[in-house]
Amino acid sequence: MKKKVQLLDEKAINRAITRIAHEILEKNKGSKDIVIVGIKTRGVPLAERLVKKIKEIEGTEVLKGTVDITLYRDDLTKEYMDPIIHGSNIEADINNKTVILVDDVLYTGRTTRAALDALMDIGRPTVIQLAVLIDRGHRELPIRADFVGKNVPTSKDENIKVQLEEIDGDNNVIIEEE
């Protein structure tokens, strides 16, 4: 894969996080009963950034957590013969709460479906909303994001690469192509 174009730099990612945080607060009329859950791997630091931003805006601490979808993937037998399970960790009871599920890229919808299954095994939220940094289209399942940092129409030959400081040592989003 070779780099085709940079979609977001560090400042643009920060602006997107700020906007998504404001949209979450507006849609939910504040931060009461919200739990922000990041999908491993890059959804986790994005969720933590949203929690921080909401605290800056509202002055209140929002509960957070992580969800590991490894065992919920529908391609487990094909792609992951020996899966590494990291486990889910949510610091709050999600029953009767508004759960904001956070991921880096929304593509086919299969990762989100797996995350929904994992969440439902943990508890029964009142509402689950989806926040993504990038929505690239090409859905295979009827899933849409409630909060989107950037919509990027792509071809199936392209790949969106999100790099975050916490994992990759850099903050940017690029399109790569073969």
N, C-alpha and C. Protein backbone atom coordinates (compact mmCIF):
# COMPACT_ATOMS: atom_id res chain seq x y z
N MET A 1 0.84 -1.19 0.00
CA MET A 1 0.00 0.00 0.00
C MET A 1 0.88 1.24 0.00
N LYS A 2 0.48 2.22 -0.75
CA LYS A 2 1.21 3.48 -0.73
C LYS A 2 0.26 4.62 -0.37
N LYS A 3 0.82 5.62 0.28
CA LYS A 3 0.03 6.77 0.71
C LYS A 3 -0.47 7.53 -0.50
N LYS A 4 -1.75 7.80 -0.49
CA LYS A 4 -2.37 8.54 -1.59
C LYS A 4 -2.60 10.00 -1.17
N VAL A 5 -3.27 10.18 -0.03
CA VAL A 5 -3.58 11.53 0.43
C VAL A 5 -3.82 11.53 1.94
N GLN A 6 -3.44 12.62 2.59
CA GLN A 6 -3.74 12.77 4.02
C GLN A 6 -5.12 13.40 4.15
N LEU A 7 -5.98 12.75 4.92
CA LEU A 7 -7.34 13.25 5.14
C LEU A 7 -7.41 14.19 6.34
N LEU A 8 -6.77 13.78 7.43
CA LEU A 8 -6.80 14.57 8.66
C LEU A 8 -5.41 14.61 9.27
N ASP A 9 -5.03 15.79 9.75
CA ASP A 9 -3.81 15.89 10.55
C ASP A 9 -4.22 15.96 12.02
N GLU A 10 -3.26 16.19 12.89
CA GLU A 10 -3.56 16.20 14.33
C GLU A 10 -4.60 17.25 14.70
N LYS A 11 -4.48 18.45 14.15
CA LYS A 11 -5.45 19.51 14.47
C LYS A 11 -6.84 19.16 13.98
N ALA A 12 -6.94 18.58 12.80
CA ALA A 12 -8.24 18.20 12.25
C ALA A 12 -8.89 17.09 13.08
N ILE A 13 -8.08 16.13 13.55
CA ILE A 13 -8.60 15.08 14.42
C ILE A 13 -9.13 15.69 15.71
N ASN A 14 -8.38 16.63 16.29
CA ASN A 14 -8.83 17.30 17.53
C ASN A 14 -10.12 18.07 17.31
N ARG A 15 -10.24 18.75 16.17
CA ARG A 15 -11.49 19.47 15.86
C ARG A 15 -12.66 18.50 15.73
N ALA A 16 -12.42 17.37 15.09
CA ALA A 16 -13.48 16.37 14.92
C ALA A 16 -13.93 15.82 16.28
N ILE A 17 -12.98 15.55 17.16
CA ILE A 17 -13.30 15.05 18.51
C ILE A 17 -14.12 16.09 19.28
N THR A 18 -13.72 17.36 19.18
CA THR A 18 -14.45 18.43 19.86
C THR A 18 -15.89 18.52 19.33
N ARG A 19 -16.04 18.47 18.01
CA ARG A 19 -17.38 18.56 17.41
C ARG A 19 -18.24 17.37 17.81
N ILE A 20 -17.67 16.15 17.77
CA ILE A 20 -18.43 14.96 18.16
C ILE A 20 -18.85 15.05 19.62
N ALA A 21 -17.96 15.52 20.49
CA ALA A 21 -18.29 15.67 21.91
C ALA A 21 -19.47 16.62 22.09
N HIS A 22 -19.45 17.75 21.39
CA HIS A 22 -20.57 18.70 21.47
C HIS A 22 -21.86 18.07 20.94
N GLU A 23 -21.77 17.33 19.85
CA GLU A 23 -22.96 16.68 19.28
C GLU A 23 -23.54 15.63 20.24
N ILE A 24 -22.66 14.87 20.89
CA ILE A 24 -23.12 13.88 21.87
C ILE A 24 -23.87 14.57 23.00
N LEU A 25 -23.29 15.65 23.53
CA LEU A 25 -23.93 16.38 24.63
C LEU A 25 -25.25 17.00 24.20
N GLU A 26 -25.29 17.54 22.99
CA GLU A 26 -26.52 18.15 22.50
C GLU A 26 -27.61 17.11 22.31
N LYS A 27 -27.28 16.01 21.64
CA LYS A 27 -28.28 14.98 21.35
C LYS A 27 -28.82 14.34 22.63
N ASN A 28 -27.96 14.21 23.65
CA ASN A 28 -28.36 13.54 24.88
C ASN A 28 -28.70 14.49 26.01
N LYS A 29 -28.77 15.78 25.70
CA LYS A 29 -29.13 16.81 26.67
C LYS A 29 -28.22 16.77 27.90
N GLY A 30 -26.92 16.69 27.64
CA GLY A 30 -25.94 16.65 28.71
C GLY A 30 -25.25 15.30 28.79
N SER A 31 -24.54 15.10 29.90
CA SER A 31 -23.73 13.89 30.03
C SER A 31 -24.30 12.88 31.03
N LYS A 32 -25.49 13.14 31.56
CA LYS A 32 -26.09 12.24 32.55
C LYS A 32 -26.38 10.87 31.92
N ASP A 33 -25.99 9.82 32.62
CA ASP A 33 -26.24 8.43 32.23
C ASP A 33 -25.57 8.02 30.92
N ILE A 34 -24.48 8.69 30.56
CA ILE A 34 -23.73 8.31 29.36
C ILE A 34 -22.53 7.47 29.77
N VAL A 35 -22.30 6.41 29.01
CA VAL A 35 -21.09 5.59 29.15
C VAL A 35 -20.46 5.53 27.76
N ILE A 36 -19.20 5.92 27.66
CA ILE A 36 -18.50 5.92 26.37
C ILE A 36 -17.61 4.68 26.31
N VAL A 37 -17.83 3.86 25.28
CA VAL A 37 -17.15 2.58 25.15
C VAL A 37 -16.39 2.52 23.83
N GLY A 38 -15.08 2.35 23.92
CA GLY A 38 -14.23 2.25 22.74
C GLY A 38 -14.08 0.81 22.28
N ILE A 39 -14.16 0.62 20.96
CA ILE A 39 -13.92 -0.70 20.38
C ILE A 39 -12.42 -0.85 20.19
N LYS A 40 -11.86 -1.93 20.73
CA LYS A 40 -10.43 -2.15 20.58
C LYS A 40 -10.10 -2.31 19.11
N THR A 41 -9.12 -1.70 18.57
CA THR A 41 -7.97 -1.09 19.21
C THR A 41 -8.06 0.43 19.18
N ARG A 42 -8.24 1.03 18.02
CA ARG A 42 -8.15 2.49 17.93
C ARG A 42 -9.41 3.22 18.42
N GLY A 43 -10.48 2.52 18.65
CA GLY A 43 -11.65 3.14 19.24
C GLY A 43 -11.43 3.51 20.70
N VAL A 44 -10.50 2.81 21.35
CA VAL A 44 -10.24 3.05 22.77
C VAL A 44 -9.63 4.43 23.02
N PRO A 45 -8.51 4.80 22.35
CA PRO A 45 -7.99 6.15 22.59
C PRO A 45 -8.95 7.25 22.12
N LEU A 46 -9.71 6.98 21.07
CA LEU A 46 -10.70 7.97 20.63
C LEU A 46 -11.78 8.16 21.71
N ALA A 47 -12.21 7.06 22.33
CA ALA A 47 -13.19 7.15 23.41
C ALA A 47 -12.62 7.93 24.59
N GLU A 48 -11.35 7.67 24.92
CA GLU A 48 -10.72 8.40 26.02
C GLU A 48 -10.62 9.90 25.71
N ARG A 49 -10.34 10.23 24.47
CA ARG A 49 -10.29 11.65 24.08
C ARG A 49 -11.67 12.29 24.19
N LEU A 50 -12.71 11.54 23.83
CA LEU A 50 -14.07 12.07 23.96
C LEU A 50 -14.43 12.29 25.43
N VAL A 51 -14.07 11.36 26.28
CA VAL A 51 -14.34 11.50 27.73
C VAL A 51 -13.66 12.77 28.26
N LYS A 52 -12.39 12.97 27.86
CA LYS A 52 -11.64 14.17 28.28
C LYS A 52 -12.31 15.45 27.79
N LYS A 53 -12.71 15.44 26.52
CA LYS A 53 -13.32 16.62 25.92
C LYS A 53 -14.66 16.94 26.58
N ILE A 54 -15.45 15.92 26.86
CA ILE A 54 -16.74 16.14 27.52
C ILE A 54 -16.53 16.70 28.93
N LYS A 55 -15.48 16.22 29.61
CA LYS A 55 -15.18 16.77 30.94
C LYS A 55 -14.80 18.24 30.83
N GLU A 56 -14.01 18.61 29.80
CA GLU A 56 -13.66 20.02 29.59
C GLU A 56 -14.91 20.87 29.35
N ILE A 57 -15.84 20.35 28.57
CA ILE A 57 -17.03 21.11 28.18
C ILE A 57 -18.04 21.19 29.33
N GLU A 58 -18.35 20.04 29.94
CA GLU A 58 -19.41 19.95 30.94
C GLU A 58 -18.92 20.07 32.37
N GLY A 59 -17.65 19.75 32.58
CA GLY A 59 -17.13 19.75 33.94
C GLY A 59 -17.52 18.50 34.72
N THR A 60 -18.04 17.49 34.03
CA THR A 60 -18.42 16.25 34.69
C THR A 60 -17.66 15.07 34.09
N GLU A 61 -17.41 14.09 34.93
CA GLU A 61 -16.71 12.88 34.51
C GLU A 61 -17.72 11.91 33.89
N VAL A 62 -17.44 11.46 32.69
CA VAL A 62 -18.29 10.47 32.02
C VAL A 62 -17.64 9.10 32.19
N LEU A 63 -18.45 8.11 32.48
CA LEU A 63 -17.94 6.75 32.64
C LEU A 63 -17.49 6.22 31.29
N LYS A 64 -16.50 5.31 31.32
CA LYS A 64 -15.96 4.81 30.05
C LYS A 64 -15.67 3.33 30.17
N GLY A 65 -15.33 2.76 29.01
CA GLY A 65 -14.98 1.35 28.98
C GLY A 65 -14.44 0.95 27.63
N THR A 66 -14.05 -0.31 27.54
CA THR A 66 -13.56 -0.87 26.28
C THR A 66 -14.31 -2.17 26.01
N VAL A 67 -14.44 -2.47 24.73
CA VAL A 67 -15.07 -3.73 24.35
C VAL A 67 -14.16 -4.42 23.33
N ASP A 68 -13.91 -5.70 23.59
CA ASP A 68 -13.11 -6.54 22.71
C ASP A 68 -14.08 -7.40 21.91
N ILE A 69 -14.05 -7.27 20.59
CA ILE A 69 -15.01 -7.97 19.74
C ILE A 69 -14.46 -9.25 19.13
N THR A 70 -13.27 -9.65 19.52
CA THR A 70 -12.59 -10.77 18.87
C THR A 70 -13.48 -12.00 18.72
N LEU A 71 -14.13 -12.42 19.79
CA LEU A 71 -14.96 -13.63 19.73
C LEU A 71 -16.32 -13.41 19.08
N TYR A 72 -16.64 -12.18 18.74
CA TYR A 72 -17.93 -11.87 18.14
C TYR A 72 -17.85 -11.64 16.64
N ARG A 73 -16.64 -11.69 16.10
CA ARG A 73 -16.44 -11.45 14.67
C ARG A 73 -17.04 -12.59 13.85
N ASP A 74 -17.65 -12.26 12.71
CA ASP A 74 -18.22 -13.31 11.87
C ASP A 74 -17.17 -13.94 10.95
N ASP A 75 -15.95 -13.40 10.97
CA ASP A 75 -14.87 -13.97 10.16
C ASP A 75 -13.83 -14.67 11.03
N LEU A 76 -14.19 -15.01 12.27
CA LEU A 76 -13.24 -15.59 13.22
C LEU A 76 -12.59 -16.86 12.68
N THR A 77 -13.38 -17.74 12.09
CA THR A 77 -12.81 -19.01 11.62
C THR A 77 -11.91 -18.83 10.41
N LYS A 78 -12.22 -17.86 9.56
CA LYS A 78 -11.41 -17.65 8.37
C LYS A 78 -10.12 -16.91 8.67
N GLU A 79 -10.22 -15.84 9.45
CA GLU A 79 -9.09 -14.94 9.61
C GLU A 79 -8.29 -15.17 10.89
N TYR A 80 -8.97 -15.60 11.94
CA TYR A 80 -8.32 -15.68 13.25
C TYR A 80 -8.42 -17.11 13.80
N MET A 81 -7.51 -17.93 13.40
CA MET A 81 -7.53 -19.31 13.87
C MET A 81 -7.13 -19.39 15.35
N ASP A 82 -6.25 -18.51 15.80
CA ASP A 82 -5.78 -18.47 17.18
C ASP A 82 -5.96 -17.06 17.73
N PRO A 83 -7.19 -16.65 18.06
CA PRO A 83 -7.41 -15.27 18.47
C PRO A 83 -6.77 -14.94 19.81
N ILE A 84 -6.32 -13.70 19.91
CA ILE A 84 -5.82 -13.19 21.19
C ILE A 84 -6.94 -12.38 21.81
N ILE A 85 -7.40 -12.80 22.97
CA ILE A 85 -8.53 -12.15 23.63
C ILE A 85 -7.99 -11.17 24.67
N HIS A 86 -8.38 -9.90 24.54
CA HIS A 86 -7.95 -8.88 25.49
C HIS A 86 -9.02 -8.61 26.54
N GLY A 87 -10.24 -8.98 26.25
CA GLY A 87 -11.33 -8.80 27.19
C GLY A 87 -11.91 -7.40 27.17
N SER A 88 -13.14 -7.31 27.61
CA SER A 88 -13.83 -6.04 27.69
C SER A 88 -13.70 -5.53 29.12
N ASN A 89 -13.71 -4.20 29.27
CA ASN A 89 -13.59 -3.61 30.59
C ASN A 89 -14.43 -2.34 30.61
N ILE A 90 -15.57 -2.41 31.24
CA ILE A 90 -16.45 -1.24 31.33
C ILE A 90 -16.62 -0.93 32.81
N GLU A 91 -16.27 0.31 33.18
CA GLU A 91 -16.24 0.69 34.60
C GLU A 91 -17.61 1.00 35.18
N ALA A 92 -18.67 0.72 34.45
CA ALA A 92 -20.00 1.04 34.94
C ALA A 92 -20.98 -0.02 34.48
N ASP A 93 -22.08 -0.10 35.19
CA ASP A 93 -23.20 -0.92 34.77
C ASP A 93 -23.84 -0.20 33.58
N ILE A 94 -23.96 -0.87 32.45
CA ILE A 94 -24.52 -0.19 31.26
C ILE A 94 -26.03 -0.36 31.16
N ASN A 95 -26.63 -1.10 32.06
CA ASN A 95 -28.09 -1.26 32.04
C ASN A 95 -28.75 0.10 32.22
N ASN A 96 -29.72 0.38 31.38
CA ASN A 96 -30.50 1.62 31.43
C ASN A 96 -29.65 2.88 31.24
N LYS A 97 -28.54 2.76 30.55
CA LYS A 97 -27.66 3.90 30.26
C LYS A 97 -27.65 4.16 28.76
N THR A 98 -27.14 5.31 28.38
CA THR A 98 -26.89 5.62 26.97
C THR A 98 -25.44 5.27 26.71
N VAL A 99 -25.21 4.29 25.87
CA VAL A 99 -23.85 3.87 25.55
C VAL A 99 -23.46 4.48 24.21
N ILE A 100 -22.33 5.19 24.22
CA ILE A 100 -21.77 5.73 22.98
C ILE A 100 -20.64 4.78 22.60
N LEU A 101 -20.84 4.03 21.54
CA LEU A 101 -19.84 3.10 21.03
C LEU A 101 -18.93 3.88 20.09
N VAL A 102 -17.60 3.76 20.26
CA VAL A 102 -16.65 4.58 19.52
C VAL A 102 -15.69 3.69 18.72
N ASP A 103 -15.52 4.02 17.44
CA ASP A 103 -14.56 3.32 16.59
C ASP A 103 -13.87 4.32 15.68
N ASP A 104 -12.76 3.89 15.08
CA ASP A 104 -12.02 4.79 14.21
C ASP A 104 -12.64 4.90 12.83
N VAL A 105 -12.94 3.76 12.19
CA VAL A 105 -13.46 3.77 10.82
C VAL A 105 -14.71 2.89 10.73
N LEU A 106 -15.75 3.42 10.13
CA LEU A 106 -16.95 2.64 9.83
C LEU A 106 -16.89 2.28 8.35
N TYR A 107 -16.90 0.99 8.07
CA TYR A 107 -16.75 0.51 6.70
C TYR A 107 -17.95 -0.40 6.38
N THR A 108 -17.81 -1.70 6.52
CA THR A 108 -18.90 -2.62 6.17
C THR A 108 -19.99 -2.68 7.23
N GLY A 109 -19.64 -2.34 8.47
CA GLY A 109 -20.58 -2.42 9.58
C GLY A 109 -20.41 -3.69 10.40
N ARG A 110 -19.55 -4.59 9.96
CA ARG A 110 -19.39 -5.87 10.66
C ARG A 110 -18.72 -5.71 12.03
N THR A 111 -17.76 -4.81 12.14
CA THR A 111 -17.13 -4.56 13.45
C THR A 111 -18.17 -4.00 14.43
N THR A 112 -18.99 -3.08 13.95
CA THR A 112 -20.03 -2.49 14.81
C THR A 112 -21.03 -3.56 15.24
N ARG A 113 -21.43 -4.44 14.31
CA ARG A 113 -22.36 -5.51 14.66
C ARG A 113 -21.77 -6.40 15.75
N ALA A 114 -20.50 -6.73 15.62
CA ALA A 114 -19.83 -7.55 16.63
C ALA A 114 -19.80 -6.83 17.98
N ALA A 115 -19.54 -5.53 17.95
CA ALA A 115 -19.50 -4.75 19.19
C ALA A 115 -20.89 -4.68 19.84
N LEU A 116 -21.93 -4.57 19.03
CA LEU A 116 -23.29 -4.56 19.57
C LEU A 116 -23.59 -5.89 20.27
N ASP A 117 -23.19 -7.00 19.65
CA ASP A 117 -23.39 -8.31 20.27
C ASP A 117 -22.64 -8.40 21.60
N ALA A 118 -21.40 -7.93 21.62
CA ALA A 118 -20.60 -7.95 22.85
C ALA A 118 -21.25 -7.11 23.95
N LEU A 119 -21.73 -5.92 23.58
CA LEU A 119 -22.40 -5.06 24.56
C LEU A 119 -23.65 -5.71 25.13
N MET A 120 -24.43 -6.35 24.28
CA MET A 120 -25.66 -6.96 24.74
C MET A 120 -25.40 -8.15 25.67
N ASP A 121 -24.22 -8.76 25.57
CA ASP A 121 -23.85 -9.81 26.52
C ASP A 121 -23.45 -9.23 27.87
N ILE A 122 -23.07 -7.95 27.88
CA ILE A 122 -22.66 -7.28 29.12
C ILE A 122 -23.85 -6.70 29.86
N GLY A 123 -24.81 -6.15 29.12
CA GLY A 123 -25.97 -5.52 29.75
C GLY A 123 -26.97 -5.05 28.71
N ARG A 124 -27.98 -4.33 29.19
CA ARG A 124 -29.04 -3.83 28.31
C ARG A 124 -29.16 -2.31 28.42
N PRO A 125 -28.41 -1.60 27.59
CA PRO A 125 -28.50 -0.14 27.61
C PRO A 125 -29.87 0.33 27.11
N THR A 126 -30.25 1.53 27.51
CA THR A 126 -31.48 2.13 26.99
C THR A 126 -31.30 2.44 25.51
N VAL A 127 -30.14 3.00 25.17
CA VAL A 127 -29.83 3.41 23.80
C VAL A 127 -28.35 3.14 23.55
N ILE A 128 -28.04 2.73 22.33
CA ILE A 128 -26.65 2.63 21.89
C ILE A 128 -26.50 3.55 20.69
N GLN A 129 -25.54 4.47 20.78
CA GLN A 129 -25.24 5.39 19.68
C GLN A 129 -23.82 5.11 19.21
N LEU A 130 -23.57 5.37 17.92
CA LEU A 130 -22.27 5.08 17.34
C LEU A 130 -21.57 6.37 16.93
N ALA A 131 -20.31 6.51 17.40
CA ALA A 131 -19.47 7.65 17.02
C ALA A 131 -18.23 7.10 16.32
N VAL A 132 -17.93 7.63 15.13
CA VAL A 132 -16.75 7.20 14.38
C VAL A 132 -15.98 8.41 13.90
N LEU A 133 -14.67 8.25 13.81
CA LEU A 133 -13.84 9.32 13.27
C LEU A 133 -14.04 9.44 11.76
N ILE A 134 -14.08 8.30 11.06
CA ILE A 134 -14.23 8.27 9.61
C ILE A 134 -15.34 7.32 9.21
N ASP A 135 -16.24 7.77 8.34
CA ASP A 135 -17.24 6.90 7.71
C ASP A 135 -16.88 6.84 6.24
N ARG A 136 -16.47 5.66 5.78
CA ARG A 136 -16.00 5.53 4.39
C ARG A 136 -17.01 4.87 3.46
N GLY A 137 -18.19 4.53 3.97
CA GLY A 137 -19.21 3.93 3.11
C GLY A 137 -19.00 2.44 2.93
N HIS A 138 -19.64 1.87 1.92
CA HIS A 138 -19.54 0.45 1.55
C HIS A 138 -20.16 -0.48 2.59
N ARG A 139 -21.30 -0.09 3.16
CA ARG A 139 -21.95 -0.89 4.19
C ARG A 139 -22.44 -2.22 3.63
N GLU A 140 -22.26 -3.27 4.41
CA GLU A 140 -22.81 -4.59 4.11
C GLU A 140 -23.96 -4.91 5.05
N LEU A 141 -24.09 -4.13 6.11
CA LEU A 141 -25.15 -4.30 7.09
C LEU A 141 -25.86 -2.96 7.29
N PRO A 142 -27.12 -2.98 7.72
CA PRO A 142 -27.86 -1.73 7.89
C PRO A 142 -27.46 -0.99 9.18
N ILE A 143 -26.25 -0.44 9.16
CA ILE A 143 -25.70 0.26 10.32
C ILE A 143 -25.27 1.64 9.88
N ARG A 144 -25.56 2.65 10.70
CA ARG A 144 -25.11 4.02 10.41
C ARG A 144 -24.61 4.65 11.69
N ALA A 145 -23.71 5.60 11.53
CA ALA A 145 -23.15 6.30 12.69
C ALA A 145 -24.04 7.48 13.07
N ASP A 146 -24.16 7.71 14.37
CA ASP A 146 -24.89 8.88 14.87
C ASP A 146 -24.00 10.11 14.85
N PHE A 147 -22.69 9.90 15.03
CA PHE A 147 -21.73 11.00 15.10
C PHE A 147 -20.53 10.64 14.23
N VAL A 148 -20.20 11.52 13.28
CA VAL A 148 -19.13 11.24 12.32
C VAL A 148 -18.15 12.41 12.28
N GLY A 149 -16.86 12.10 12.41
CA GLY A 149 -15.84 13.12 12.28
C GLY A 149 -15.71 13.59 10.84
N LYS A 150 -15.66 12.63 9.89
CA LYS A 150 -15.53 12.98 8.48
C LYS A 150 -16.08 11.84 7.63
N ASN A 151 -16.93 12.19 6.67
CA ASN A 151 -17.40 11.24 5.68
C ASN A 151 -16.43 11.26 4.52
N VAL A 152 -15.94 10.09 4.12
CA VAL A 152 -14.95 10.00 3.05
C VAL A 152 -15.38 8.91 2.07
N PRO A 153 -15.96 9.30 0.93
CA PRO A 153 -16.28 8.27 -0.07
C PRO A 153 -14.98 7.66 -0.59
N THR A 154 -14.91 6.34 -0.57
CA THR A 154 -13.70 5.65 -1.00
C THR A 154 -14.06 4.55 -2.00
N SER A 155 -13.06 4.07 -2.70
CA SER A 155 -13.25 2.87 -3.51
C SER A 155 -12.84 1.69 -2.64
N LYS A 156 -13.24 0.50 -3.05
CA LYS A 156 -12.87 -0.69 -2.27
C LYS A 156 -11.39 -1.01 -2.41
N ASP A 157 -10.71 -0.41 -3.37
CA ASP A 157 -9.27 -0.61 -3.55
C ASP A 157 -8.45 0.26 -2.60
N GLU A 158 -9.11 1.19 -1.95
CA GLU A 158 -8.42 2.10 -1.04
C GLU A 158 -8.54 1.59 0.40
N ASN A 159 -7.63 2.03 1.23
CA ASN A 159 -7.64 1.68 2.64
C ASN A 159 -7.49 2.97 3.44
N ILE A 160 -8.27 3.10 4.50
CA ILE A 160 -8.15 4.24 5.40
C ILE A 160 -7.25 3.80 6.55
N LYS A 161 -6.18 4.55 6.79
CA LYS A 161 -5.25 4.24 7.88
C LYS A 161 -5.32 5.36 8.90
N VAL A 162 -5.79 5.02 10.10
CA VAL A 162 -5.86 5.97 11.21
C VAL A 162 -4.66 5.70 12.10
N GLN A 163 -3.89 6.74 12.37
CA GLN A 163 -2.77 6.63 13.29
C GLN A 163 -3.05 7.56 14.47
N LEU A 164 -2.94 7.00 15.68
CA LEU A 164 -3.17 7.77 16.89
C LEU A 164 -1.93 7.70 17.78
N GLU A 165 -1.61 8.82 18.38
CA GLU A 165 -0.42 8.97 19.22
C GLU A 165 -0.29 7.84 20.24
N GLU A 166 -1.39 7.49 20.88
CA GLU A 166 -1.37 6.50 21.96
C GLU A 166 -0.93 5.11 21.47
N ILE A 167 -1.14 4.81 20.21
CA ILE A 167 -0.82 3.48 19.67
C ILE A 167 0.31 3.54 18.65
N ASP A 168 0.25 4.53 17.76
CA ASP A 168 1.16 4.59 16.62
C ASP A 168 2.25 5.65 16.72
N GLY A 169 2.15 6.52 17.73
CA GLY A 169 3.15 7.57 17.88
C GLY A 169 2.93 8.77 16.98
N ASP A 170 1.79 8.83 16.29
CA ASP A 170 1.49 9.94 15.38
C ASP A 170 -0.02 10.12 15.33
N ASN A 171 -0.48 11.29 14.91
CA ASN A 171 -1.91 11.56 14.78
C ASN A 171 -2.20 11.99 13.35
N ASN A 172 -2.76 11.08 12.56
CA ASN A 172 -3.21 11.46 11.22
C ASN A 172 -4.09 10.36 10.65
N VAL A 173 -4.77 10.73 9.58
CA VAL A 173 -5.59 9.77 8.85
C VAL A 173 -5.22 9.92 7.38
N ILE A 174 -4.87 8.80 6.76
CA ILE A 174 -4.50 8.83 5.36
C ILE A 174 -5.28 7.79 4.57
N ILE A 175 -5.37 8.03 3.26
CA ILE A 175 -5.89 7.03 2.34
C ILE A 175 -4.69 6.38 1.68
N GLU A 176 -4.67 5.07 1.67
CA GLU A 176 -3.64 4.32 0.97
C GLU A 176 -4.31 3.56 -0.18
N GLU A 177 -3.53 3.29 -1.22
CA GLU A 177 -4.06 2.45 -2.28
C GLU A 177 -2.97 1.50 -2.75
N GLU A 178 -3.41 0.41 -3.35
CA GLU A 178 -2.46 -0.59 -3.83
C GLU A 178 -1.70 -0.09 -5.05
